[in-house]
Amino acid sequence: MAILAIYPHGKILRAAVKRDACIKTASFTQSEGGHEIMAGKILPWLGEHKGIDADLKLIVTNEHSPVARSLGDYFSLPVHVPSPATSNECPPRAFVTGTPLLKRRCRIDALTFEFLARQEAEARGLDPTSARFIVAHLDEENQLAALGGKRW
């Protein structure tokens, strides 16, 4: 069984495929649409790993992306979004700015934040139901969040 993970973030699309103990990763620029990236970049990359595409059973992604949807259609596989990044997850105070005319976007990458918080709680021997963390994800898009308790 193989699992394909698709992580579109900013202008880079990261992909990972896991079969047994083997994990292969790659990064692709997102200059085209979902179908074009799939056909021109991801399918050739998967083809480099003999037979892995035949073993695919599941595609996981962090948002409802056209690339993941195209791959799901191509392989006739389900696409799962375990923890979507949506503004619905942001508290109202996350949209407050110092200028009323300036609208702030709030789009958290919950999957990454939850992973980092769980990893840190485990490393420190803390109970994840009561531990609290401030997590920063500094990448193409800088994100900062306070996580606590059962939030992850």
N, C-alpha and C. Protein backbone atom coordinates (compact mmCIF):
# COMPACT_ATOMS: atom_id res chain seq x y z
N MET A 1 0.84 -1.18 0.00
CA MET A 1 0.00 0.00 0.00
C MET A 1 0.89 1.24 0.00
N ALA A 2 0.51 2.23 -0.81
CA ALA A 2 1.24 3.49 -0.86
C ALA A 2 0.27 4.64 -0.62
N ILE A 3 0.78 5.69 0.01
CA ILE A 3 -0.01 6.90 0.28
C ILE A 3 0.73 8.08 -0.33
N LEU A 4 0.00 8.92 -1.04
CA LEU A 4 0.56 10.13 -1.65
C LEU A 4 0.07 11.33 -0.87
N ALA A 5 1.00 12.16 -0.42
CA ALA A 5 0.64 13.40 0.29
C ALA A 5 0.98 14.58 -0.61
N ILE A 6 0.03 15.49 -0.76
CA ILE A 6 0.19 16.69 -1.58
C ILE A 6 0.04 17.89 -0.66
N TYR A 7 1.03 18.78 -0.67
CA TYR A 7 1.02 19.94 0.22
C TYR A 7 1.28 21.20 -0.60
N PRO A 8 0.21 21.81 -1.14
CA PRO A 8 0.40 23.08 -1.85
C PRO A 8 0.55 24.21 -0.84
N HIS A 9 1.61 24.98 -1.01
CA HIS A 9 1.87 26.06 -0.06
C HIS A 9 2.59 27.18 -0.79
N GLY A 10 1.94 28.31 -0.91
CA GLY A 10 2.53 29.42 -1.64
C GLY A 10 2.74 29.05 -3.09
N LYS A 11 3.93 29.26 -3.59
CA LYS A 11 4.24 28.96 -4.99
C LYS A 11 4.89 27.60 -5.17
N ILE A 12 5.00 26.85 -4.07
CA ILE A 12 5.63 25.53 -4.11
C ILE A 12 4.60 24.46 -3.75
N LEU A 13 4.64 23.36 -4.49
CA LEU A 13 3.82 22.21 -4.17
C LEU A 13 4.77 21.11 -3.74
N ARG A 14 4.60 20.64 -2.54
CA ARG A 14 5.44 19.56 -2.03
C ARG A 14 4.66 18.25 -2.12
N ALA A 15 5.36 17.20 -2.48
CA ALA A 15 4.72 15.89 -2.59
C ALA A 15 5.58 14.87 -1.87
N ALA A 16 4.93 13.88 -1.30
CA ALA A 16 5.63 12.77 -0.66
C ALA A 16 4.81 11.52 -0.92
N VAL A 17 5.50 10.44 -1.17
CA VAL A 17 4.82 9.17 -1.34
C VAL A 17 5.50 8.17 -0.41
N LYS A 18 4.66 7.40 0.30
CA LYS A 18 5.19 6.42 1.27
C LYS A 18 4.65 5.05 0.92
N ARG A 19 5.59 4.12 0.79
CA ARG A 19 5.22 2.71 0.60
C ARG A 19 6.12 1.91 1.53
N ASP A 20 5.50 1.19 2.43
CA ASP A 20 6.24 0.45 3.45
C ASP A 20 7.15 1.42 4.21
N ALA A 21 8.44 1.15 4.28
CA ALA A 21 9.36 2.02 5.01
C ALA A 21 10.01 3.06 4.09
N CYS A 22 9.67 3.05 2.82
CA CYS A 22 10.28 3.94 1.83
C CYS A 22 9.46 5.22 1.67
N ILE A 23 10.10 6.37 1.82
CA ILE A 23 9.45 7.66 1.62
C ILE A 23 10.25 8.45 0.59
N LYS A 24 9.57 8.92 -0.45
CA LYS A 24 10.20 9.75 -1.48
C LYS A 24 9.51 11.12 -1.46
N THR A 25 10.29 12.18 -1.57
CA THR A 25 9.72 13.53 -1.54
C THR A 25 10.19 14.33 -2.75
N ALA A 26 9.43 15.35 -3.09
CA ALA A 26 9.79 16.26 -4.20
C ALA A 26 9.07 17.58 -4.00
N SER A 27 9.61 18.63 -4.61
CA SER A 27 8.98 19.95 -4.62
C SER A 27 8.83 20.41 -6.05
N PHE A 28 7.69 21.03 -6.35
CA PHE A 28 7.40 21.51 -7.70
C PHE A 28 6.90 22.94 -7.62
N THR A 29 7.24 23.77 -8.59
CA THR A 29 6.69 25.12 -8.63
C THR A 29 5.26 25.04 -9.13
N GLN A 30 4.41 25.90 -8.60
CA GLN A 30 3.00 25.91 -8.97
C GLN A 30 2.71 27.05 -9.95
N SER A 31 3.22 26.93 -11.15
CA SER A 31 2.97 27.98 -12.14
C SER A 31 1.82 27.62 -13.06
N GLU A 32 1.43 26.35 -13.08
CA GLU A 32 0.33 25.92 -13.93
C GLU A 32 -0.87 25.52 -13.07
N GLY A 33 -1.94 25.12 -13.75
CA GLY A 33 -3.13 24.64 -13.05
C GLY A 33 -2.93 23.22 -12.56
N GLY A 34 -3.91 22.70 -11.84
CA GLY A 34 -3.82 21.38 -11.24
C GLY A 34 -3.55 20.26 -12.21
N HIS A 35 -4.27 20.23 -13.33
CA HIS A 35 -4.11 19.15 -14.29
C HIS A 35 -2.72 19.19 -14.95
N GLU A 36 -2.24 20.41 -15.25
CA GLU A 36 -0.94 20.54 -15.90
C GLU A 36 0.20 20.12 -14.99
N ILE A 37 0.14 20.50 -13.70
CA ILE A 37 1.17 20.08 -12.75
C ILE A 37 1.15 18.57 -12.61
N MET A 38 -0.06 18.00 -12.52
CA MET A 38 -0.17 16.55 -12.38
C MET A 38 0.46 15.85 -13.57
N ALA A 39 0.07 16.22 -14.79
CA ALA A 39 0.53 15.53 -15.99
C ALA A 39 2.01 15.80 -16.28
N GLY A 40 2.44 17.07 -16.10
CA GLY A 40 3.79 17.43 -16.49
C GLY A 40 4.86 17.19 -15.44
N LYS A 41 4.47 17.09 -14.17
CA LYS A 41 5.49 17.00 -13.11
C LYS A 41 5.28 15.82 -12.18
N ILE A 42 4.09 15.68 -11.62
CA ILE A 42 3.89 14.66 -10.58
C ILE A 42 3.85 13.25 -11.15
N LEU A 43 3.14 13.05 -12.25
CA LEU A 43 3.09 11.70 -12.83
C LEU A 43 4.47 11.22 -13.28
N PRO A 44 5.27 12.05 -13.96
CA PRO A 44 6.64 11.59 -14.29
C PRO A 44 7.47 11.28 -13.04
N TRP A 45 7.32 12.10 -11.98
CA TRP A 45 8.05 11.85 -10.74
C TRP A 45 7.62 10.51 -10.13
N LEU A 46 6.32 10.24 -10.09
CA LEU A 46 5.85 8.96 -9.57
C LEU A 46 6.37 7.81 -10.42
N GLY A 47 6.45 8.02 -11.74
CA GLY A 47 6.94 6.98 -12.64
C GLY A 47 8.39 6.59 -12.39
N GLU A 48 9.17 7.50 -11.79
CA GLU A 48 10.56 7.20 -11.47
C GLU A 48 10.68 6.14 -10.37
N HIS A 49 9.62 5.94 -9.61
CA HIS A 49 9.63 4.99 -8.50
C HIS A 49 8.79 3.78 -8.91
N LYS A 50 9.44 2.82 -9.48
CA LYS A 50 8.82 1.66 -10.12
C LYS A 50 7.66 1.05 -9.34
N GLY A 51 6.49 1.06 -9.96
CA GLY A 51 5.32 0.38 -9.42
C GLY A 51 4.62 1.07 -8.27
N ILE A 52 5.14 2.19 -7.83
CA ILE A 52 4.54 2.83 -6.66
C ILE A 52 3.14 3.37 -6.98
N ASP A 53 2.94 3.84 -8.23
CA ASP A 53 1.62 4.36 -8.60
C ASP A 53 0.56 3.26 -8.57
N ALA A 54 0.94 2.02 -8.87
CA ALA A 54 -0.02 0.91 -8.84
C ALA A 54 -0.42 0.56 -7.41
N ASP A 55 0.44 0.90 -6.44
CA ASP A 55 0.16 0.59 -5.03
C ASP A 55 -0.58 1.71 -4.31
N LEU A 56 -0.81 2.84 -4.98
CA LEU A 56 -1.48 3.97 -4.32
C LEU A 56 -2.89 3.59 -3.90
N LYS A 57 -3.21 3.92 -2.66
CA LYS A 57 -4.55 3.64 -2.12
C LYS A 57 -5.24 4.89 -1.60
N LEU A 58 -4.47 5.97 -1.41
CA LEU A 58 -5.01 7.14 -0.74
C LEU A 58 -4.18 8.36 -1.08
N ILE A 59 -4.84 9.50 -1.22
CA ILE A 59 -4.18 10.79 -1.40
C ILE A 59 -4.61 11.68 -0.24
N VAL A 60 -3.63 12.30 0.41
CA VAL A 60 -3.90 13.18 1.55
C VAL A 60 -3.38 14.57 1.19
N THR A 61 -4.13 15.60 1.54
CA THR A 61 -3.71 16.97 1.27
C THR A 61 -4.18 17.87 2.41
N ASN A 62 -3.66 19.10 2.45
CA ASN A 62 -4.02 20.02 3.52
C ASN A 62 -5.14 20.97 3.13
N GLU A 63 -5.54 20.96 1.88
CA GLU A 63 -6.63 21.83 1.44
C GLU A 63 -7.25 21.21 0.20
N HIS A 64 -8.39 21.71 -0.19
CA HIS A 64 -9.06 21.20 -1.39
C HIS A 64 -8.35 21.77 -2.61
N SER A 65 -7.31 21.08 -3.06
CA SER A 65 -6.49 21.60 -4.14
C SER A 65 -6.86 20.95 -5.47
N PRO A 66 -6.76 21.72 -6.55
CA PRO A 66 -7.02 21.15 -7.88
C PRO A 66 -6.05 20.03 -8.24
N VAL A 67 -4.82 20.11 -7.76
CA VAL A 67 -3.83 19.08 -8.06
C VAL A 67 -4.25 17.76 -7.42
N ALA A 68 -4.60 17.80 -6.14
CA ALA A 68 -5.02 16.58 -5.45
C ALA A 68 -6.29 16.01 -6.09
N ARG A 69 -7.21 16.89 -6.45
CA ARG A 69 -8.45 16.45 -7.10
C ARG A 69 -8.15 15.78 -8.44
N SER A 70 -7.24 16.38 -9.24
CA SER A 70 -6.87 15.80 -10.53
C SER A 70 -6.22 14.43 -10.35
N LEU A 71 -5.33 14.32 -9.35
CA LEU A 71 -4.69 13.03 -9.08
C LEU A 71 -5.70 11.99 -8.61
N GLY A 72 -6.63 12.40 -7.77
CA GLY A 72 -7.68 11.49 -7.31
C GLY A 72 -8.51 10.97 -8.47
N ASP A 73 -8.86 11.87 -9.39
CA ASP A 73 -9.62 11.45 -10.58
C ASP A 73 -8.80 10.52 -11.46
N TYR A 74 -7.53 10.86 -11.66
CA TYR A 74 -6.66 10.07 -12.53
C TYR A 74 -6.48 8.65 -12.00
N PHE A 75 -6.24 8.51 -10.71
CA PHE A 75 -6.01 7.20 -10.11
C PHE A 75 -7.28 6.55 -9.56
N SER A 76 -8.43 7.25 -9.66
CA SER A 76 -9.69 6.77 -9.08
C SER A 76 -9.52 6.46 -7.60
N LEU A 77 -8.94 7.44 -6.89
CA LEU A 77 -8.67 7.28 -5.46
C LEU A 77 -9.36 8.37 -4.65
N PRO A 78 -9.68 8.08 -3.39
CA PRO A 78 -10.22 9.13 -2.54
C PRO A 78 -9.14 10.14 -2.16
N VAL A 79 -9.55 11.39 -2.02
CA VAL A 79 -8.65 12.46 -1.57
C VAL A 79 -9.16 12.91 -0.21
N HIS A 80 -8.31 12.81 0.79
CA HIS A 80 -8.70 13.17 2.15
C HIS A 80 -8.03 14.47 2.57
N VAL A 81 -8.82 15.32 3.24
CA VAL A 81 -8.33 16.57 3.81
C VAL A 81 -8.56 16.45 5.31
N PRO A 82 -7.57 15.93 6.07
CA PRO A 82 -7.80 15.65 7.49
C PRO A 82 -7.97 16.89 8.35
N SER A 83 -7.34 17.98 8.01
CA SER A 83 -7.43 19.18 8.83
C SER A 83 -7.31 20.39 7.91
N PRO A 84 -8.42 20.81 7.31
CA PRO A 84 -8.35 21.89 6.32
C PRO A 84 -7.93 23.22 6.94
N ALA A 85 -7.30 24.03 6.13
CA ALA A 85 -6.92 25.38 6.54
C ALA A 85 -7.99 26.33 6.02
N THR A 86 -8.87 26.77 6.92
CA THR A 86 -9.94 27.67 6.51
C THR A 86 -10.06 28.82 7.50
N SER A 87 -10.64 29.92 7.03
CA SER A 87 -10.83 31.05 7.93
C SER A 87 -11.90 30.76 8.97
N ASN A 88 -12.72 29.73 8.78
CA ASN A 88 -13.73 29.36 9.77
C ASN A 88 -13.09 28.92 11.09
N GLU A 89 -11.84 28.48 11.04
CA GLU A 89 -11.15 28.01 12.24
C GLU A 89 -10.55 29.16 13.05
N CYS A 90 -10.54 30.36 12.50
CA CYS A 90 -9.91 31.49 13.15
C CYS A 90 -10.91 32.22 14.06
N PRO A 91 -10.48 32.57 15.26
CA PRO A 91 -11.37 33.34 16.14
C PRO A 91 -11.54 34.76 15.59
N PRO A 92 -12.66 35.44 15.93
CA PRO A 92 -12.92 36.79 15.41
C PRO A 92 -11.77 37.77 15.65
N ARG A 93 -11.07 37.65 16.78
CA ARG A 93 -9.99 38.60 17.06
C ARG A 93 -8.81 38.45 16.09
N ALA A 94 -8.75 37.34 15.37
CA ALA A 94 -7.66 37.14 14.40
C ALA A 94 -7.81 38.07 13.19
N PHE A 95 -9.00 38.65 13.01
CA PHE A 95 -9.25 39.52 11.86
C PHE A 95 -9.09 41.00 12.21
N VAL A 96 -8.79 41.32 13.46
CA VAL A 96 -8.69 42.71 13.91
C VAL A 96 -7.37 43.31 13.43
N THR A 97 -7.46 44.54 12.93
CA THR A 97 -6.25 45.27 12.53
C THR A 97 -6.31 46.66 13.16
N GLY A 98 -5.22 47.41 13.06
CA GLY A 98 -5.18 48.77 13.60
C GLY A 98 -5.89 49.76 12.69
N THR A 99 -6.21 49.36 11.48
CA THR A 99 -6.88 50.23 10.51
C THR A 99 -8.17 49.54 10.07
N PRO A 100 -9.33 50.12 10.38
CA PRO A 100 -10.60 49.46 10.03
C PRO A 100 -10.75 49.15 8.55
N LEU A 101 -10.14 49.93 7.68
CA LEU A 101 -10.27 49.69 6.24
C LEU A 101 -9.38 48.55 5.76
N LEU A 102 -8.42 48.15 6.57
CA LEU A 102 -7.52 47.06 6.21
C LEU A 102 -8.12 45.74 6.70
N LYS A 103 -8.43 44.87 5.76
CA LYS A 103 -9.01 43.57 6.12
C LYS A 103 -7.89 42.55 6.23
N ARG A 104 -7.84 41.84 7.33
CA ARG A 104 -6.80 40.84 7.55
C ARG A 104 -7.32 39.47 7.13
N ARG A 105 -6.46 38.74 6.43
CA ARG A 105 -6.77 37.36 6.09
C ARG A 105 -6.38 36.47 7.27
N CYS A 106 -7.11 35.44 7.47
CA CYS A 106 -6.73 34.45 8.47
C CYS A 106 -6.90 33.09 7.83
N ARG A 107 -5.79 32.46 7.57
CA ARG A 107 -5.81 31.13 6.96
C ARG A 107 -4.69 30.34 7.61
N ILE A 108 -5.03 29.57 8.59
CA ILE A 108 -4.01 28.83 9.33
C ILE A 108 -3.72 27.50 8.66
N ASP A 109 -2.55 27.01 8.87
CA ASP A 109 -2.15 25.70 8.38
C ASP A 109 -2.22 24.74 9.56
N ALA A 110 -3.45 24.39 9.92
CA ALA A 110 -3.70 23.62 11.13
C ALA A 110 -2.94 22.30 11.17
N LEU A 111 -2.82 21.64 10.04
CA LEU A 111 -2.13 20.34 10.02
C LEU A 111 -0.69 20.49 10.47
N THR A 112 0.02 21.49 9.97
CA THR A 112 1.42 21.72 10.36
C THR A 112 1.50 22.12 11.82
N PHE A 113 0.64 23.05 12.26
CA PHE A 113 0.68 23.51 13.65
C PHE A 113 0.40 22.37 14.62
N GLU A 114 -0.59 21.57 14.32
CA GLU A 114 -0.93 20.46 15.20
C GLU A 114 0.21 19.46 15.28
N PHE A 115 0.86 19.18 14.16
CA PHE A 115 2.00 18.27 14.15
C PHE A 115 3.13 18.81 15.02
N LEU A 116 3.47 20.10 14.84
CA LEU A 116 4.56 20.70 15.61
C LEU A 116 4.25 20.70 17.11
N ALA A 117 3.01 21.01 17.47
CA ALA A 117 2.63 21.03 18.89
C ALA A 117 2.68 19.63 19.50
N ARG A 118 2.17 18.64 18.77
CA ARG A 118 2.22 17.26 19.28
C ARG A 118 3.67 16.80 19.44
N GLN A 119 4.51 17.12 18.46
CA GLN A 119 5.91 16.74 18.51
C GLN A 119 6.62 17.36 19.71
N GLU A 120 6.36 18.63 19.96
CA GLU A 120 7.00 19.32 21.09
C GLU A 120 6.48 18.79 22.42
N ALA A 121 5.17 18.55 22.52
CA ALA A 121 4.60 18.00 23.75
C ALA A 121 5.23 16.65 24.07
N GLU A 122 5.39 15.82 23.06
CA GLU A 122 6.01 14.51 23.25
C GLU A 122 7.47 14.65 23.69
N ALA A 123 8.22 15.55 23.03
CA ALA A 123 9.64 15.74 23.35
C ALA A 123 9.83 16.23 24.78
N ARG A 124 8.88 17.03 25.28
CA ARG A 124 8.99 17.58 26.64
C ARG A 124 8.28 16.74 27.68
N GLY A 125 7.64 15.65 27.25
CA GLY A 125 6.93 14.79 28.19
C GLY A 125 5.69 15.45 28.77
N LEU A 126 5.04 16.32 27.99
CA LEU A 126 3.85 17.05 28.46
C LEU A 126 2.57 16.36 28.02
N ASP A 127 1.53 16.55 28.80
CA ASP A 127 0.22 16.04 28.47
C ASP A 127 -0.37 16.93 27.37
N PRO A 128 -0.64 16.41 26.18
CA PRO A 128 -1.13 17.25 25.09
C PRO A 128 -2.52 17.85 25.34
N THR A 129 -3.26 17.31 26.32
CA THR A 129 -4.59 17.88 26.60
C THR A 129 -4.52 19.13 27.45
N SER A 130 -3.34 19.40 28.05
CA SER A 130 -3.23 20.60 28.87
C SER A 130 -2.06 21.51 28.46
N ALA A 131 -1.18 21.02 27.59
CA ALA A 131 -0.01 21.82 27.16
C ALA A 131 -0.46 22.97 26.27
N ARG A 132 0.30 24.07 26.33
CA ARG A 132 0.01 25.24 25.49
C ARG A 132 1.29 25.67 24.79
N PHE A 133 1.17 26.03 23.52
CA PHE A 133 2.33 26.42 22.73
C PHE A 133 2.01 27.61 21.85
N ILE A 134 3.04 28.38 21.55
CA ILE A 134 2.97 29.37 20.47
C ILE A 134 3.82 28.78 19.36
N VAL A 135 3.20 28.59 18.21
CA VAL A 135 3.86 27.92 17.09
C VAL A 135 4.04 28.91 15.95
N ALA A 136 5.23 28.94 15.38
CA ALA A 136 5.52 29.78 14.22
C ALA A 136 5.91 28.89 13.05
N HIS A 137 5.32 29.16 11.90
CA HIS A 137 5.67 28.47 10.66
C HIS A 137 6.19 29.55 9.72
N LEU A 138 7.51 29.62 9.59
CA LEU A 138 8.15 30.67 8.80
C LEU A 138 8.61 30.07 7.48
N ASP A 139 7.86 30.41 6.45
CA ASP A 139 8.10 29.86 5.12
C ASP A 139 7.75 30.94 4.12
N GLU A 140 7.23 30.58 2.98
CA GLU A 140 6.80 31.59 2.02
C GLU A 140 5.69 32.47 2.61
N GLU A 141 4.86 31.86 3.42
CA GLU A 141 3.82 32.58 4.15
C GLU A 141 4.14 32.41 5.63
N ASN A 142 4.34 33.50 6.35
CA ASN A 142 4.62 33.40 7.78
C ASN A 142 3.32 33.28 8.55
N GLN A 143 3.27 32.31 9.46
CA GLN A 143 2.07 32.07 10.25
C GLN A 143 2.47 31.89 11.70
N LEU A 144 1.63 32.40 12.59
CA LEU A 144 1.87 32.32 14.02
C LEU A 144 0.55 31.97 14.69
N ALA A 145 0.58 31.02 15.64
CA ALA A 145 -0.66 30.63 16.31
C ALA A 145 -0.37 30.21 17.74
N ALA A 146 -1.36 30.41 18.60
CA ALA A 146 -1.30 29.91 19.97
C ALA A 146 -2.20 28.68 20.02
N LEU A 147 -1.64 27.56 20.45
CA LEU A 147 -2.40 26.30 20.54
C LEU A 147 -2.41 25.85 21.98
N GLY A 148 -3.53 25.28 22.38
CA GLY A 148 -3.60 24.78 23.74
C GLY A 148 -4.65 23.72 23.90
N GLY A 149 -4.39 22.85 24.84
CA GLY A 149 -5.36 21.83 25.20
C GLY A 149 -5.69 20.89 24.08
N LYS A 150 -6.96 20.61 23.92
CA LYS A 150 -7.42 19.63 22.95
C LYS A 150 -7.51 20.23 21.55
N ARG A 151 -7.03 21.42 21.35
CA ARG A 151 -7.12 22.10 20.05
C ARG A 151 -6.39 21.32 18.96
N TRP A 152 -5.43 20.49 19.31
CA TRP A 152 -4.77 19.67 18.32
C TRP A 152 -5.08 18.26 18.61
